[in-house]
Amino acid sequence: MAAKSTRDKIIDAALDLAGRRSWESLRLHDVAAELHLELNDVRAHFREKEDITDAWFDRADAAMLAAGAGFADLPARERLHRLVMAWLAALAPHRRVTRQMIYGKFEPGHVHFQFAGL
């Protein structure tokens, strides 16, 4: 098994810390302290907390795409079901934090995220 990259360790630490507290209360310096890194080491990978959210959903997207390999002969409905379930399964270990991330994107102060989602 390959060693985790610093980027992956940062994502995992952020999710674990947010799971113990909340996504809203998490700060990048908390993640740096958890991993015994300097804040600039974290910021080299993630300029802001929302970048970690994007990376978390990128992981789910990758899991979904991996699940889609080799089932072209299935009916479209079954393919869609499997893809959606793979995406949700990838997010399941941090369900509560994922929900908090999504809610955070819909706060009125985050209109710039809402436009990107549309």
PDB file of N, CA and C in Angstrom:
ATOM      1  N   MET A   1       0.846  -1.180   0.000  1.00  0.00           N
ATOM      2  CA  MET A   1       0.000   0.000   0.000  1.00  0.00           C
ATOM      3  C   MET A   1       0.890   1.242   0.000  1.00  0.00           C
ATOM      4  N   ALA A   2       0.609   2.160  -0.885  1.00  0.00           N
ATOM      5  CA  ALA A   2       1.405   3.378  -0.991  1.00  0.00           C
ATOM      6  C   ALA A   2       1.132   4.310   0.192  1.00  0.00           C
ATOM      7  N   ALA A   3       2.168   5.003   0.585  1.00  0.00           N
ATOM      8  CA  ALA A   3       2.009   5.965   1.684  1.00  0.00           C
ATOM      9  C   ALA A   3       1.109   7.114   1.228  1.00  0.00           C
ATOM     10  N   LYS A   4       0.340   7.639   2.161  1.00  0.00           N
ATOM     11  CA  LYS A   4      -0.546   8.756   1.838  1.00  0.00           C
ATOM     12  C   LYS A   4       0.265  10.008   1.569  1.00  0.00           C
ATOM     13  N   SER A   5      -0.197  10.781   0.628  1.00  0.00           N
ATOM     14  CA  SER A   5       0.430  12.066   0.344  1.00  0.00           C
ATOM     15  C   SER A   5       0.075  13.062   1.448  1.00  0.00           C
ATOM     16  N   THR A   6       0.848  14.118   1.546  1.00  0.00           N
ATOM     17  CA  THR A   6       0.544  15.169   2.519  1.00  0.00           C
ATOM     18  C   THR A   6      -0.846  15.727   2.259  1.00  0.00           C
ATOM     19  N   ARG A   7      -1.187  15.903   0.999  1.00  0.00           N
ATOM     20  CA  ARG A   7      -2.515  16.409   0.631  1.00  0.00           C
ATOM     21  C   ARG A   7      -3.615  15.510   1.198  1.00  0.00           C
ATOM     22  N   ASP A   8      -3.476  14.198   1.026  1.00  0.00           N
ATOM     23  CA  ASP A   8      -4.477  13.259   1.552  1.00  0.00           C
ATOM     24  C   ASP A   8      -4.504  13.273   3.073  1.00  0.00           C
ATOM     25  N   LYS A   9      -3.353  13.390   3.694  1.00  0.00           N
ATOM     26  CA  LYS A   9      -3.309  13.462   5.160  1.00  0.00           C
ATOM     27  C   LYS A   9      -4.031  14.702   5.667  1.00  0.00           C
ATOM     28  N   ILE A  10      -3.894  15.812   4.941  1.00  0.00           N
ATOM     29  CA  ILE A  10      -4.563  17.051   5.333  1.00  0.00           C
ATOM     30  C   ILE A  10      -6.079  16.878   5.230  1.00  0.00           C
ATOM     31  N   ILE A  11      -6.543  16.299   4.141  1.00  0.00           N
ATOM     32  CA  ILE A  11      -7.982  16.067   3.969  1.00  0.00           C
ATOM     33  C   ILE A  11      -8.508  15.181   5.097  1.00  0.00           C
ATOM     34  N   ASP A  12      -7.817  14.081   5.348  1.00  0.00           N
ATOM     35  CA  ASP A  12      -8.248  13.147   6.388  1.00  0.00           C
ATOM     36  C   ASP A  12      -8.257  13.795   7.765  1.00  0.00           C
ATOM     37  N   ALA A  13      -7.221  14.569   8.073  1.00  0.00           N
ATOM     38  CA  ALA A  13      -7.155  15.236   9.376  1.00  0.00           C
ATOM     39  C   ALA A  13      -8.281  16.253   9.520  1.00  0.00           C
ATOM     40  N   ALA A  14      -8.559  16.994   8.455  1.00  0.00           N
ATOM     41  CA  ALA A  14      -9.637  17.990   8.497  1.00  0.00           C
ATOM     42  C   ALA A  14     -10.976  17.307   8.751  1.00  0.00           C
ATOM     43  N   LEU A  15     -11.227  16.204   8.072  1.00  0.00           N
ATOM     44  CA  LEU A  15     -12.486  15.483   8.258  1.00  0.00           C
ATOM     45  C   LEU A  15     -12.587  14.910   9.673  1.00  0.00           C
ATOM     46  N   ASP A  16     -11.498  14.350  10.170  1.00  0.00           N
ATOM     47  CA  ASP A  16     -11.511  13.791  11.528  1.00  0.00           C
ATOM     48  C   ASP A  16     -11.736  14.875  12.575  1.00  0.00           C
ATOM     49  N   LEU A  17     -11.031  15.991  12.439  1.00  0.00           N
ATOM     50  CA  LEU A  17     -11.198  17.090  13.393  1.00  0.00           C
ATOM     51  C   LEU A  17     -12.619  17.645  13.343  1.00  0.00           C
ATOM     52  N   ALA A  18     -13.135  17.843  12.144  1.00  0.00           N
ATOM     53  CA  ALA A  18     -14.499  18.363  11.999  1.00  0.00           C
ATOM     54  C   ALA A  18     -15.513  17.375  12.559  1.00  0.00           C
ATOM     55  N   GLY A  19     -15.219  16.090  12.448  1.00  0.00           N
ATOM     56  CA  GLY A  19     -16.103  15.082  13.010  1.00  0.00           C
ATOM     57  C   GLY A  19     -16.174  15.147  14.526  1.00  0.00           C
ATOM     58  N   ARG A  20     -15.101  15.571  15.144  1.00  0.00           N
ATOM     59  CA  ARG A  20     -15.073  15.700  16.605  1.00  0.00           C
ATOM     60  C   ARG A  20     -15.699  16.999  17.065  1.00  0.00           C
ATOM     61  N   ARG A  21     -15.690  18.005  16.202  1.00  0.00           N
ATOM     62  CA  ARG A  21     -16.261  19.320  16.547  1.00  0.00           C
ATOM     63  C   ARG A  21     -17.346  19.652  15.536  1.00  0.00           C
ATOM     64  N   SER A  22     -16.981  20.471  14.576  1.00  0.00           N
ATOM     65  CA  SER A  22     -17.884  20.791  13.466  1.00  0.00           C
ATOM     66  C   SER A  22     -17.051  21.353  12.325  1.00  0.00           C
ATOM     67  N   TRP A  23     -17.609  21.287  11.134  1.00  0.00           N
ATOM     68  CA  TRP A  23     -16.910  21.833   9.974  1.00  0.00           C
ATOM     69  C   TRP A  23     -16.778  23.354  10.118  1.00  0.00           C
ATOM     70  N   GLU A  24     -17.816  23.971  10.611  1.00  0.00           N
ATOM     71  CA  GLU A  24     -17.814  25.432  10.764  1.00  0.00           C
ATOM     72  C   GLU A  24     -16.694  25.901  11.681  1.00  0.00           C
ATOM     73  N   SER A  25     -16.421  25.156  12.738  1.00  0.00           N
ATOM     74  CA  SER A  25     -15.412  25.605  13.701  1.00  0.00           C
ATOM     75  C   SER A  25     -13.987  25.246  13.296  1.00  0.00           C
ATOM     76  N   LEU A  26     -13.838  24.411  12.290  1.00  0.00           N
ATOM     77  CA  LEU A  26     -12.511  23.981  11.857  1.00  0.00           C
ATOM     78  C   LEU A  26     -11.750  25.129  11.192  1.00  0.00           C
ATOM     79  N   ARG A  27     -10.480  25.232  11.496  1.00  0.00           N
ATOM     80  CA  ARG A  27      -9.596  26.220  10.875  1.00  0.00           C
ATOM     81  C   ARG A  27      -8.370  25.488  10.336  1.00  0.00           C
ATOM     82  N   LEU A  28      -7.765  26.064   9.312  1.00  0.00           N
ATOM     83  CA  LEU A  28      -6.585  25.439   8.728  1.00  0.00           C
ATOM     84  C   LEU A  28      -5.459  25.287   9.744  1.00  0.00           C
ATOM     85  N   HIS A  29      -5.342  26.230  10.660  1.00  0.00           N
ATOM     86  CA  HIS A  29      -4.268  26.110  11.656  1.00  0.00           C
ATOM     87  C   HIS A  29      -4.522  24.929  12.589  1.00  0.00           C
ATOM     88  N   ASP A  30      -5.804  24.539  12.791  1.00  0.00           N
ATOM     89  CA  ASP A  30      -6.118  23.347  13.577  1.00  0.00           C
ATOM     90  C   ASP A  30      -5.584  22.094  12.880  1.00  0.00           C
ATOM     91  N   VAL A  31      -5.770  22.058  11.566  1.00  0.00           N
ATOM     92  CA  VAL A  31      -5.306  20.915  10.774  1.00  0.00           C
ATOM     93  C   VAL A  31      -3.780  20.852  10.814  1.00  0.00           C
ATOM     94  N   ALA A  32      -3.141  22.004  10.663  1.00  0.00           N
ATOM     95  CA  ALA A  32      -1.676  22.048  10.712  1.00  0.00           C
ATOM     96  C   ALA A  32      -1.173  21.532  12.059  1.00  0.00           C
ATOM     97  N   ALA A  33      -1.786  21.971  13.132  1.00  0.00           N
ATOM     98  CA  ALA A  33      -1.369  21.544  14.467  1.00  0.00           C
ATOM     99  C   ALA A  33      -1.570  20.038  14.647  1.00  0.00           C
ATOM    100  N   GLU A  34      -2.680  19.518  14.157  1.00  0.00           N
ATOM    101  CA  GLU A  34      -2.970  18.087  14.268  1.00  0.00           C
ATOM    102  C   GLU A  34      -1.898  17.245  13.576  1.00  0.00           C
ATOM    103  N   LEU A  35      -1.395  17.745  12.461  1.00  0.00           N
ATOM    104  CA  LEU A  35      -0.409  17.000  11.672  1.00  0.00           C
ATOM    105  C   LEU A  35       1.033  17.409  11.979  1.00  0.00           C
ATOM    106  N   HIS A  36       1.192  18.311  12.935  1.00  0.00           N
ATOM    107  CA  HIS A  36       2.523  18.827  13.300  1.00  0.00           C
ATOM    108  C   HIS A  36       3.212  19.456  12.080  1.00  0.00           C
ATOM    109  N   LEU A  37       2.427  20.255  11.355  1.00  0.00           N
ATOM    110  CA  LEU A  37       2.917  20.985  10.193  1.00  0.00           C
ATOM    111  C   LEU A  37       2.824  22.476  10.467  1.00  0.00           C
ATOM    112  N   GLU A  38       3.514  23.239   9.673  1.00  0.00           N
ATOM    113  CA  GLU A  38       3.347  24.688   9.691  1.00  0.00           C
ATOM    114  C   GLU A  38       2.108  25.022   8.865  1.00  0.00           C
ATOM    115  N   LEU A  39       1.484  26.135   9.188  1.00  0.00           N
ATOM    116  CA  LEU A  39       0.303  26.553   8.434  1.00  0.00           C
ATOM    117  C   LEU A  39       0.625  26.711   6.948  1.00  0.00           C
ATOM    118  N   ASN A  40       1.798  27.216   6.639  1.00  0.00           N
ATOM    119  CA  ASN A  40       2.181  27.368   5.228  1.00  0.00           C
ATOM    120  C   ASN A  40       2.284  26.029   4.503  1.00  0.00           C
ATOM    121  N   ASP A  41       2.591  24.953   5.234  1.00  0.00           N
ATOM    122  CA  ASP A  41       2.632  23.622   4.616  1.00  0.00           C
ATOM    123  C   ASP A  41       1.225  23.199   4.197  1.00  0.00           C
ATOM    124  N   VAL A  42       0.254  23.509   5.022  1.00  0.00           N
ATOM    125  CA  VAL A  42      -1.143  23.202   4.682  1.00  0.00           C
ATOM    126  C   VAL A  42      -1.594  24.102   3.541  1.00  0.00           C
ATOM    127  N   ARG A  43      -1.261  25.376   3.630  1.00  0.00           N
ATOM    128  CA  ARG A  43      -1.699  26.331   2.598  1.00  0.00           C
ATOM    129  C   ARG A  43      -1.031  26.080   1.248  1.00  0.00           C
ATOM    130  N   ALA A  44       0.050  25.362   1.230  1.00  0.00           N
ATOM    131  CA  ALA A  44       0.667  24.991  -0.049  1.00  0.00           C
ATOM    132  C   ALA A  44      -0.251  24.046  -0.835  1.00  0.00           C
ATOM    133  N   HIS A  45      -1.103  23.330  -0.116  1.00  0.00           N
ATOM    134  CA  HIS A  45      -2.042  22.397  -0.756  1.00  0.00           C
ATOM    135  C   HIS A  45      -3.457  22.954  -0.816  1.00  0.00           C
ATOM    136  N   PHE A  46      -3.850  23.696   0.218  1.00  0.00           N
ATOM    137  CA  PHE A  46      -5.213  24.218   0.318  1.00  0.00           C
ATOM    138  C   PHE A  46      -5.160  25.658   0.804  1.00  0.00           C
ATOM    139  N   ARG A  47      -5.508  26.588  -0.061  1.00  0.00           N
ATOM    140  CA  ARG A  47      -5.452  28.005   0.291  1.00  0.00           C
ATOM    141  C   ARG A  47      -6.522  28.374   1.316  1.00  0.00           C
ATOM    142  N   GLU A  48      -7.634  27.658   1.276  1.00  0.00           N
ATOM    143  CA  GLU A  48      -8.721  27.917   2.222  1.00  0.00           C
ATOM    144  C   GLU A  48      -9.477  26.624   2.484  1.00  0.00           C
ATOM    145  N   LYS A  49     -10.281  26.655   3.506  1.00  0.00           N
ATOM    146  CA  LYS A  49     -11.010  25.460   3.935  1.00  0.00           C
ATOM    147  C   LYS A  49     -11.925  24.927   2.830  1.00  0.00           C
ATOM    148  N   GLU A  50     -12.502  25.789   2.040  1.00  0.00           N
ATOM    149  CA  GLU A  50     -13.392  25.349   0.965  1.00  0.00           C
ATOM    150  C   GLU A  50     -12.662  24.504  -0.065  1.00  0.00           C
ATOM    151  N   ASP A  51     -11.357  24.693  -0.194  1.00  0.00           N
ATOM    152  CA  ASP A  51     -10.578  23.857  -1.106  1.00  0.00           C
ATOM    153  C   ASP A  51     -10.532  22.413  -0.609  1.00  0.00           C
ATOM    154  N   ILE A  52     -10.570  22.235   0.700  1.00  0.00           N
ATOM    155  CA  ILE A  52     -10.626  20.881   1.263  1.00  0.00           C
ATOM    156  C   ILE A  52     -11.977  20.251   0.949  1.00  0.00           C
ATOM    157  N   THR A  53     -13.031  21.035   1.026  1.00  0.00           N
ATOM    158  CA  THR A  53     -14.361  20.542   0.647  1.00  0.00           C
ATOM    159  C   THR A  53     -14.338  20.045  -0.793  1.00  0.00           C
ATOM    160  N   ASP A  54     -13.779  20.840  -1.674  1.00  0.00           N
ATOM    161  CA  ASP A  54     -13.710  20.443  -3.085  1.00  0.00           C
ATOM    162  C   ASP A  54     -12.915  19.154  -3.260  1.00  0.00           C
ATOM    163  N   ALA A  55     -11.811  19.024  -2.538  1.00  0.00           N
ATOM    164  CA  ALA A  55     -10.981  17.819  -2.630  1.00  0.00           C
ATOM    165  C   ALA A  55     -11.736  16.594  -2.104  1.00  0.00           C
ATOM    166  N   TRP A  56     -12.534  16.771  -1.048  1.00  0.00           N
ATOM    167  CA  TRP A  56     -13.334  15.681  -0.501  1.00  0.00           C
ATOM    168  C   TRP A  56     -14.346  15.190  -1.534  1.00  0.00           C
ATOM    169  N   PHE A  57     -15.012  16.123  -2.205  1.00  0.00           N
ATOM    170  CA  PHE A  57     -15.975  15.724  -3.224  1.00  0.00           C
ATOM    171  C   PHE A  57     -15.273  15.171  -4.465  1.00  0.00           C
ATOM    172  N   ASP A  58     -14.054  15.619  -4.730  1.00  0.00           N
ATOM    173  CA  ASP A  58     -13.278  15.028  -5.827  1.00  0.00           C
ATOM    174  C   ASP A  58     -13.004  13.547  -5.559  1.00  0.00           C
ATOM    175  N   ARG A  59     -12.754  13.206  -4.304  1.00  0.00           N
ATOM    176  CA  ARG A  59     -12.561  11.799  -3.945  1.00  0.00           C
ATOM    177  C   ARG A  59     -13.814  10.988  -4.256  1.00  0.00           C
ATOM    178  N   ALA A  60     -14.960  11.535  -3.923  1.00  0.00           N
ATOM    179  CA  ALA A  60     -16.220  10.832  -4.202  1.00  0.00           C
ATOM    180  C   ALA A  60     -16.426  10.694  -5.703  1.00  0.00           C
ATOM    181  N   ASP A  61     -16.089  11.738  -6.441  1.00  0.00           N
ATOM    182  CA  ASP A  61     -16.200  11.672  -7.900  1.00  0.00           C
ATOM    183  C   ASP A  61     -15.305  10.571  -8.459  1.00  0.00           C
ATOM    184  N   ALA A  62     -14.084  10.471  -7.944  1.00  0.00           N
ATOM    185  CA  ALA A  62     -13.145   9.448  -8.410  1.00  0.00           C
ATOM    186  C   ALA A  62     -13.679   8.050  -8.107  1.00  0.00           C
ATOM    187  N   ALA A  63     -14.271   7.873  -6.928  1.00  0.00           N
ATOM    188  CA  ALA A  63     -14.855   6.575  -6.566  1.00  0.00           C
ATOM    189  C   ALA A  63     -16.010   6.236  -7.497  1.00  0.00           C
ATOM    190  N   MET A  64     -16.799   7.231  -7.830  1.00  0.00           N
ATOM    191  CA  MET A  64     -17.923   7.011  -8.733  1.00  0.00           C
ATOM    192  C   MET A  64     -17.416   6.602 -10.115  1.00  0.00           C
ATOM    193  N   LEU A  65     -16.420   7.302 -10.615  1.00  0.00           N
ATOM    194  CA  LEU A  65     -15.893   6.984 -11.943  1.00  0.00           C
ATOM    195  C   LEU A  65     -15.253   5.596 -11.969  1.00  0.00           C
ATOM    196  N   ALA A  66     -14.579   5.234 -10.885  1.00  0.00           N
ATOM    197  CA  ALA A  66     -13.979   3.896 -10.809  1.00  0.00           C
ATOM    198  C   ALA A  66     -15.057   2.818 -10.813  1.00  0.00           C
ATOM    199  N   ALA A  67     -16.179   3.093 -10.192  1.00  0.00           N
ATOM    200  CA  ALA A  67     -17.277   2.126 -10.147  1.00  0.00           C
ATOM    201  C   ALA A  67     -17.940   1.971 -11.503  1.00  0.00           C
ATOM    202  N   GLY A  68     -17.758   2.941 -12.370  1.00  0.00           N
ATOM    203  CA  GLY A  68     -18.401   2.907 -13.676  1.00  0.00           C
ATOM    204  C   GLY A  68     -17.671   2.080 -14.712  1.00  0.00           C
ATOM    205  N   ALA A  69     -16.503   1.599 -14.365  1.00  0.00           N
ATOM    206  CA  ALA A  69     -15.725   0.833 -15.338  1.00  0.00           C
ATOM    207  C   ALA A  69     -16.353  -0.534 -15.590  1.00  0.00           C
ATOM    208  N   GLY A  70     -16.502  -0.875 -16.847  1.00  0.00           N
ATOM    209  CA  GLY A  70     -16.885  -2.229 -17.215  1.00  0.00           C
ATOM    210  C   GLY A  70     -18.346  -2.611 -17.101  1.00  0.00           C
ATOM    211  N   PHE A  71     -19.253  -1.669 -17.064  1.00  0.00           N
ATOM    212  CA  PHE A  71     -20.652  -2.092 -17.023  1.00  0.00           C
ATOM    213  C   PHE A  71     -21.487  -1.431 -18.112  1.00  0.00           C
ATOM    214  N   ALA A  72     -20.888  -1.229 -19.257  1.00  0.00           N
ATOM    215  CA  ALA A  72     -21.577  -0.603 -20.383  1.00  0.00           C
ATOM    216  C   ALA A  72     -22.777  -1.421 -20.858  1.00  0.00           C
ATOM    217  N   ASP A  73     -22.788  -2.715 -20.580  1.00  0.00           N
ATOM    218  CA  ASP A  73     -23.888  -3.563 -21.048  1.00  0.00           C
ATOM    219  C   ASP A  73     -25.111  -3.534 -20.134  1.00  0.00           C
ATOM    220  N   LEU A  74     -25.000  -2.857 -18.994  1.00  0.00           N
ATOM    221  CA  LEU A  74     -26.142  -2.752 -18.080  1.00  0.00           C
ATOM    222  C   LEU A  74     -27.121  -1.690 -18.577  1.00  0.00           C
ATOM    223  N   PRO A  75     -28.378  -1.814 -18.191  1.00  0.00           N
ATOM    224  CA  PRO A  75     -29.353  -0.772 -18.537  1.00  0.00           C
ATOM    225  C   PRO A  75     -28.952   0.569 -17.893  1.00  0.00           C
ATOM    226  N   ALA A  76     -29.332   1.646 -18.517  1.00  0.00           N
ATOM    227  CA  ALA A  76     -28.951   2.983 -18.049  1.00  0.00           C
ATOM    228  C   ALA A  76     -29.376   3.224 -16.604  1.00  0.00           C
ATOM    229  N   ARG A  77     -30.546   2.791 -16.246  1.00  0.00           N
ATOM    230  CA  ARG A  77     -31.046   2.985 -14.871  1.00  0.00           C
ATOM    231  C   ARG A  77     -30.135   2.298 -13.851  1.00  0.00           C
ATOM    232  N   GLU A  78     -29.702   1.077 -14.147  1.00  0.00           N
ATOM    233  CA  GLU A  78     -28.809   0.338 -13.254  1.00  0.00           C
ATOM    234  C   GLU A  78     -27.435   1.008 -13.173  1.00  0.00           C
ATOM    235  N   ARG A  79     -26.930   1.479 -14.297  1.00  0.00           N
ATOM    236  CA  ARG A  79     -25.642   2.189 -14.291  1.00  0.00           C
ATOM    237  C   ARG A  79     -25.726   3.427 -13.413  1.00  0.00           C
ATOM    238  N   LEU A  80     -26.777   4.199 -13.595  1.00  0.00           N
ATOM    239  CA  LEU A  80     -26.951   5.419 -12.806  1.00  0.00           C
ATOM    240  C   LEU A  80     -27.050   5.084 -11.319  1.00  0.00           C
ATOM    241  N   HIS A  81     -27.821   4.065 -10.986  1.00  0.00           N
ATOM    242  CA  HIS A  81     -27.968   3.651  -9.587  1.00  0.00           C
ATOM    243  C   HIS A  81     -26.608   3.281  -8.989  1.00  0.00           C
ATOM    244  N   ARG A  82     -25.843   2.484  -9.688  1.00  0.00           N
ATOM    245  CA  ARG A  82     -24.530   2.073  -9.178  1.00  0.00           C
ATOM    246  C   ARG A  82     -23.596   3.267  -9.004  1.00  0.00           C
ATOM    247  N   LEU A  83     -23.624   4.196  -9.937  1.00  0.00           N
ATOM    248  CA  LEU A  83     -22.750   5.368  -9.845  1.00  0.00           C
ATOM    249  C   LEU A  83     -23.116   6.250  -8.658  1.00  0.00           C
ATOM    250  N   VAL A  84     -24.405   6.503  -8.502  1.00  0.00           N
ATOM    251  CA  VAL A  84     -24.849   7.332  -7.375  1.00  0.00           C
ATOM    252  C   VAL A  84     -24.524   6.648  -6.054  1.00  0.00           C
ATOM    253  N   MET A  85     -24.746   5.360  -5.969  1.00  0.00           N
ATOM    254  CA  MET A  85     -24.458   4.633  -4.728  1.00  0.00           C
ATOM    255  C   MET A  85     -22.959   4.614  -4.430  1.00  0.00           C
ATOM    256  N   ALA A  86     -22.120   4.509  -5.445  1.00  0.00           N
ATOM    257  CA  ALA A  86     -20.663   4.552  -5.233  1.00  0.00           C
ATOM    258  C   ALA A  86     -20.246   5.920  -4.720  1.00  0.00           C
ATOM    259  N   TRP A  87     -20.857   6.966  -5.258  1.00  0.00           N
ATOM    260  CA  TRP A  87     -20.546   8.337  -4.831  1.00  0.00           C
ATOM    261  C   TRP A  87     -20.943   8.534  -3.374  1.00  0.00           C
ATOM    262  N   LEU A  88     -22.154   8.101  -3.039  1.00  0.00           N
ATOM    263  CA  LEU A  88     -22.633   8.241  -1.656  1.00  0.00           C
ATOM    264  C   LEU A  88     -21.818   7.378  -0.690  1.00  0.00           C
ATOM    265  N   ALA A  89     -21.432   6.191  -1.113  1.00  0.00           N
ATOM    266  CA  ALA A  89     -20.632   5.309  -0.252  1.00  0.00           C
ATOM    267  C   ALA A  89     -19.272   5.937   0.053  1.00  0.00           C
ATOM    268  N   ALA A  90     -18.710   6.633  -0.913  1.00  0.00           N
ATOM    269  CA  ALA A  90     -17.415   7.282  -0.697  1.00  0.00           C
ATOM    270  C   ALA A  90     -17.530   8.400   0.341  1.00  0.00           C
ATOM    271  N   LEU A  91     -18.673   9.055   0.410  1.00  0.00           N
ATOM    272  CA  LEU A  91     -18.890  10.147   1.360  1.00  0.00           C
ATOM    273  C   LEU A  91     -19.381   9.664   2.721  1.00  0.00           C
ATOM    274  N   ALA A  92     -19.886   8.435   2.789  1.00  0.00           N
ATOM    275  CA  ALA A  92     -20.529   7.914   4.000  1.00  0.00           C
ATOM    276  C   ALA A  92     -19.668   7.938   5.263  1.00  0.00           C
ATOM    277  N   PRO A  93     -18.366   7.683   5.189  1.00  0.00           N
ATOM    278  CA  PRO A  93     -17.591   7.671   6.442  1.00  0.00           C
ATOM    279  C   PRO A  93     -17.621   9.000   7.204  1.00  0.00           C
ATOM    280  N   HIS A  94     -17.907  10.070   6.492  1.00  0.00           N
ATOM    281  CA  HIS A  94     -17.961  11.391   7.130  1.00  0.00           C
ATOM    282  C   HIS A  94     -19.272  12.085   6.756  1.00  0.00           C
ATOM    283  N   ARG A  95     -20.349  11.358   6.922  1.00  0.00           N
ATOM    284  CA  ARG A  95     -21.680  11.831   6.523  1.00  0.00           C
ATOM    285  C   ARG A  95     -22.057  13.155   7.185  1.00  0.00           C
ATOM    286  N   ARG A  96     -21.871  13.246   8.483  1.00  0.00           N
ATOM    287  CA  ARG A  96     -22.267  14.469   9.202  1.00  0.00           C
ATOM    288  C   ARG A  96     -21.443  15.667   8.736  1.00  0.00           C
ATOM    289  N   VAL A  97     -20.152  15.481   8.588  1.00  0.00           N
ATOM    290  CA  VAL A  97     -19.286  16.574   8.140  1.00  0.00           C
ATOM    291  C   VAL A  97     -19.625  16.951   6.705  1.00  0.00           C
ATOM    292  N   THR A  98     -19.895  15.962   5.873  1.00  0.00           N
ATOM    293  CA  THR A  98     -20.271  16.236   4.481  1.00  0.00           C
ATOM    294  C   THR A  98     -21.528  17.089   4.426  1.00  0.00           C
ATOM    295  N   ARG A  99     -22.510  16.750   5.258  1.00  0.00           N
ATOM    296  CA  ARG A  99     -23.740  17.533   5.319  1.00  0.00           C
ATOM    297  C   ARG A  99     -23.434  18.971   5.746  1.00  0.00           C
ATOM    298  N   GLN A 100     -22.558  19.136   6.723  1.00  0.00           N
ATOM    299  CA  GLN A 100     -22.178  20.479   7.179  1.00  0.00           C
ATOM    300  C   GLN A 100     -21.473  21.253   6.066  1.00  0.00           C
ATOM    301  N   MET A 101     -20.648  20.570   5.287  1.00  0.00           N
ATOM    302  CA  MET A 101     -19.971  21.221   4.163  1.00  0.00           C
ATOM    303  C   MET A 101     -20.997  21.744   3.152  1.00  0.00           C
ATOM    304  N   ILE A 102     -21.974  20.908   2.841  1.00  0.00           N
ATOM    305  CA  ILE A 102     -22.999  21.303   1.862  1.00  0.00           C
ATOM    306  C   ILE A 102     -23.828  22.464   2.397  1.00  0.00           C
ATOM    307  N   TYR A 103     -24.248  22.378   3.649  1.00  0.00           N
ATOM    308  CA  TYR A 103     -25.012  23.481   4.241  1.00  0.00           C
ATOM    309  C   TYR A 103     -24.206  24.771   4.215  1.00  0.00           C
ATOM    310  N   GLY A 104     -22.924  24.680   4.477  1.00  0.00           N
ATOM    311  CA  GLY A 104     -22.064  25.865   4.465  1.00  0.00           C
ATOM    312  C   GLY A 104     -22.032  26.547   3.114  1.00  0.00           C
ATOM    313  N   LYS A 105     -22.127  25.765   2.062  1.00  0.00           N
ATOM    314  CA  LYS A 105     -22.117  26.352   0.716  1.00  0.00           C
ATOM    315  C   LYS A 105     -23.414  27.097   0.408  1.00  0.00           C
ATOM    316  N   PHE A 106     -24.475  26.818   1.155  1.00  0.00           N
ATOM    317  CA  PHE A 106     -25.746  27.479   0.914  1.00  0.00           C
ATOM    318  C   PHE A 106     -26.015  28.653   1.848  1.00  0.00           C
ATOM    319  N   GLU A 107     -25.050  29.000   2.670  1.00  0.00           N
ATOM    320  CA  GLU A 107     -25.225  30.181   3.520  1.00  0.00           C
ATOM    321  C   GLU A 107     -25.230  31.425   2.636  1.00  0.00           C
ATOM    322  N   PRO A 108     -26.015  32.428   2.996  1.00  0.00           N
ATOM    323  CA  PRO A 108     -26.109  33.634   2.162  1.00  0.00           C
ATOM    324  C   PRO A 108     -24.762  34.291   1.861  1.00  0.00           C
ATOM    325  N   GLY A 109     -23.824  34.198   2.773  1.00  0.00           N
ATOM    326  CA  GLY A 109     -22.509  34.808   2.547  1.00  0.00           C
ATOM    327  C   GLY A 109     -21.660  34.068   1.541  1.00  0.00           C
ATOM    328  N   HIS A 110     -22.127  32.911   1.084  1.00  0.00           N
ATOM    329  CA  HIS A 110     -21.361  32.099   0.159  1.00  0.00           C
ATOM    330  C   HIS A 110     -22.027  32.036  -1.225  1.00  0.00           C
ATOM    331  N   VAL A 111     -22.568  33.145  -1.653  1.00  0.00           N
ATOM    332  CA  VAL A 111     -23.264  33.183  -2.938  1.00  0.00           C
ATOM    333  C   VAL A 111     -22.322  32.765  -4.075  1.00  0.00           C
ATOM    334  N   HIS A 112     -21.043  33.119  -3.961  1.00  0.00           N
ATOM    335  CA  HIS A 112     -20.082  32.761  -5.013  1.00  0.00           C
ATOM    336  C   HIS A 112     -19.959  31.234  -5.164  1.00  0.00           C
ATOM    337  N   PHE A 113     -20.190  30.472  -4.107  1.00  0.00           N
ATOM    338  CA  PHE A 113     -20.186  29.004  -4.222  1.00  0.00           C
ATOM    339  C   PHE A 113     -21.475  28.534  -4.868  1.00  0.00           C
ATOM    340  N   GLN A 114     -22.579  29.191  -4.581  1.00  0.00           N
ATOM    341  CA  GLN A 114     -23.854  28.781  -5.128  1.00  0.00           C
ATOM    342  C   GLN A 114     -23.860  28.922  -6.653  1.00  0.00           C
ATOM    343  N   PHE A 115     -23.277  30.001  -7.175  1.00  0.00           N
ATOM    344  CA  PHE A 115     -23.235  30.183  -8.614  1.00  0.00           C
ATOM    345  C   PHE A 115     -22.401  29.094  -9.296  1.00  0.00           C
ATOM    346  N   ALA A 116     -21.296  28.711  -8.652  1.00  0.00           N
ATOM    347  CA  ALA A 116     -20.467  27.650  -9.221  1.00  0.00           C
ATOM    348  C   ALA A 116     -21.232  26.329  -9.262  1.00  0.00           C
ATOM    349  N   GLY A 117     -22.035  26.073  -8.239  1.00  0.00           N
ATOM    350  CA  GLY A 117     -22.823  24.844  -8.198  1.00  0.00           C
ATOM    351  C   GLY A 117     -23.897  24.791  -9.266  1.00  0.00           C
ATOM    352  N   LEU A 118     -24.431  25.937  -9.621  1.00  0.00           N
ATOM    353  CA  LEU A 118     -25.451  25.966 -10.671  1.00  0.00           C
ATOM    354  C   LEU A 118     -24.839  25.711 -12.015  1.00  0.00           C
TER     355      LEU A 118
END
